[in-house]
Structure formats: C-alpha cells, structure tokens
Amino acid sequence: MQAVHDRSDGRLSIAVDAAPAALEDVSVEVGTRRVRISIDAGDDQHERTVVSPLPIGDDRSAVYHNGILTVTLETEAERLSRR
C-alpha cells in the first residue's frame, strides 16, 4: 500500500495491490479523517487504516482494475477558529 497526500492539489491518493482478490472482496470506508480498506478473500484477510493529515471532503473515488485499488480523496484546508 502507498498513500500520498498532495497539499498543493488538495488530494490524498492511496494505491493497494489487492490481487488476486475479487471486487466483491474489497471494501473502502471513509470517515472525516480516516480511510479503512479491507480485503476479505476467504482465508486471506487484510485491513489497513490510513489517517489523513487534513479533513476529507466530498469529492472521492475508488477504482479497482487488474488487482490494483486506487482511492482518491479530496482534502480540505483546516479552518482556524478565532475566539
């Protein structure tokens, strides 16, 4: 697994070699700052969590092609609270 955050583009990209798992064996859960990727292919089970350095926005996609899962997420700049 490789995760790269590009602050200038506001994107978090995650690539996972999930082969030989089938699409239905792969799940992605996205929270406000965490991404959990699970692969459950019978006896072969894996789970990883990636923590984003910035809050995750609404623009997101996941593509599974030839055993490679690519997840791309928008990140949002943190707002400073003034008191």
Protein backbone atom coordinates (compact mmCIF):
# COMPACT_ATOMS: atom_id res chain seq x y z
CA MET A 1 0.00 0.00 0.00
CA GLN A 2 1.14 3.50 -0.79
CA ALA A 3 -0.52 6.71 0.41
CA VAL A 4 0.47 10.17 -0.85
CA HIS A 5 -1.01 13.50 0.23
CA ASP A 6 -0.56 16.37 -2.23
CA ARG A 7 -1.30 19.57 -0.32
CA SER A 8 -0.98 21.76 -3.42
CA ASP A 9 -3.66 19.72 -5.22
CA GLY A 10 -5.73 19.01 -2.10
CA ARG A 11 -5.78 15.24 -2.73
CA LEU A 12 -4.99 12.09 -0.81
CA SER A 13 -4.22 9.16 -3.12
CA ILE A 14 -3.98 5.56 -1.93
CA ALA A 15 -2.89 2.61 -4.08
CA VAL A 16 -3.23 -1.00 -2.91
CA ASP A 17 -2.13 -4.20 -4.64
CA ALA A 18 -5.20 -6.31 -3.80
CA ALA A 19 -4.64 -9.14 -6.30
CA PRO A 20 -5.94 -11.81 -6.50
CA ALA A 21 -8.99 -10.57 -4.53
CA ALA A 22 -12.23 -10.11 -6.45
CA LEU A 23 -14.03 -6.76 -6.44
CA GLU A 24 -16.68 -8.05 -4.02
CA ASP A 25 -13.90 -8.95 -1.53
CA VAL A 26 -12.67 -5.34 -1.30
CA SER A 27 -14.32 -2.60 0.79
CA VAL A 28 -13.45 1.04 1.43
CA GLU A 29 -14.88 3.07 4.32
CA VAL A 30 -14.24 6.81 4.53
CA GLY A 31 -14.64 8.95 7.64
CA THR A 32 -13.80 12.58 8.30
CA ARG A 33 -10.06 11.82 8.60
CA ARG A 34 -9.68 8.06 8.19
CA VAL A 35 -9.87 5.62 5.32
CA ARG A 36 -10.23 1.91 6.11
CA ILE A 37 -9.51 -0.58 3.34
CA SER A 38 -10.48 -4.22 3.91
CA ILE A 39 -9.81 -7.28 1.78
CA ASP A 40 -11.67 -10.45 2.77
CA ALA A 41 -10.89 -13.26 0.32
CA GLY A 42 -11.63 -16.33 2.43
CA ASP A 43 -8.52 -17.23 4.43
CA ASP A 44 -6.68 -14.16 3.08
CA GLN A 45 -7.87 -11.19 5.16
CA HIS A 46 -6.22 -7.78 5.42
CA GLU A 47 -7.27 -4.44 6.86
CA ARG A 48 -5.41 -1.13 6.82
CA THR A 49 -6.36 2.31 8.05
CA VAL A 50 -4.88 5.50 6.62
CA VAL A 51 -5.18 8.73 8.59
CA SER A 52 -5.44 11.88 6.51
CA PRO A 53 -3.43 14.91 7.66
CA LEU A 54 -6.42 17.12 6.73
CA PRO A 55 -10.20 16.61 6.83
CA ILE A 56 -11.59 14.57 3.92
CA GLY A 57 -14.01 16.36 1.60
CA ASP A 58 -16.93 15.15 -0.52
CA ASP A 59 -15.06 14.56 -3.80
CA ARG A 60 -13.87 10.93 -3.71
CA SER A 61 -13.46 7.94 -5.98
CA ALA A 62 -12.28 4.34 -5.83
CA VAL A 63 -11.31 2.23 -8.86
CA TYR A 64 -10.37 -1.45 -8.85
CA HIS A 65 -8.60 -2.54 -12.04
CA ASN A 66 -6.39 -5.58 -12.66
CA GLY A 67 -5.90 -6.18 -8.93
CA ILE A 68 -4.94 -2.59 -8.10
CA LEU A 69 -7.24 -0.48 -5.93
CA THR A 70 -6.80 3.26 -6.34
CA VAL A 71 -8.61 5.58 -3.92
CA THR A 72 -8.54 9.34 -4.49
CA LEU A 73 -9.96 11.74 -1.90
CA GLU A 74 -10.31 15.50 -1.71
CA THR A 75 -8.79 17.04 1.41
CA GLU A 76 -9.95 20.34 2.85
CA ALA A 77 -7.84 23.03 4.44
CA GLU A 78 -8.38 23.26 8.16
CA ARG A 79 -10.18 26.34 9.32
CA LEU A 80 -8.65 28.16 12.23
CA SER A 81 -11.14 29.11 14.89
CA ARG A 82 -10.90 32.60 16.26
CA ARG A 83 -12.02 33.36 19.76
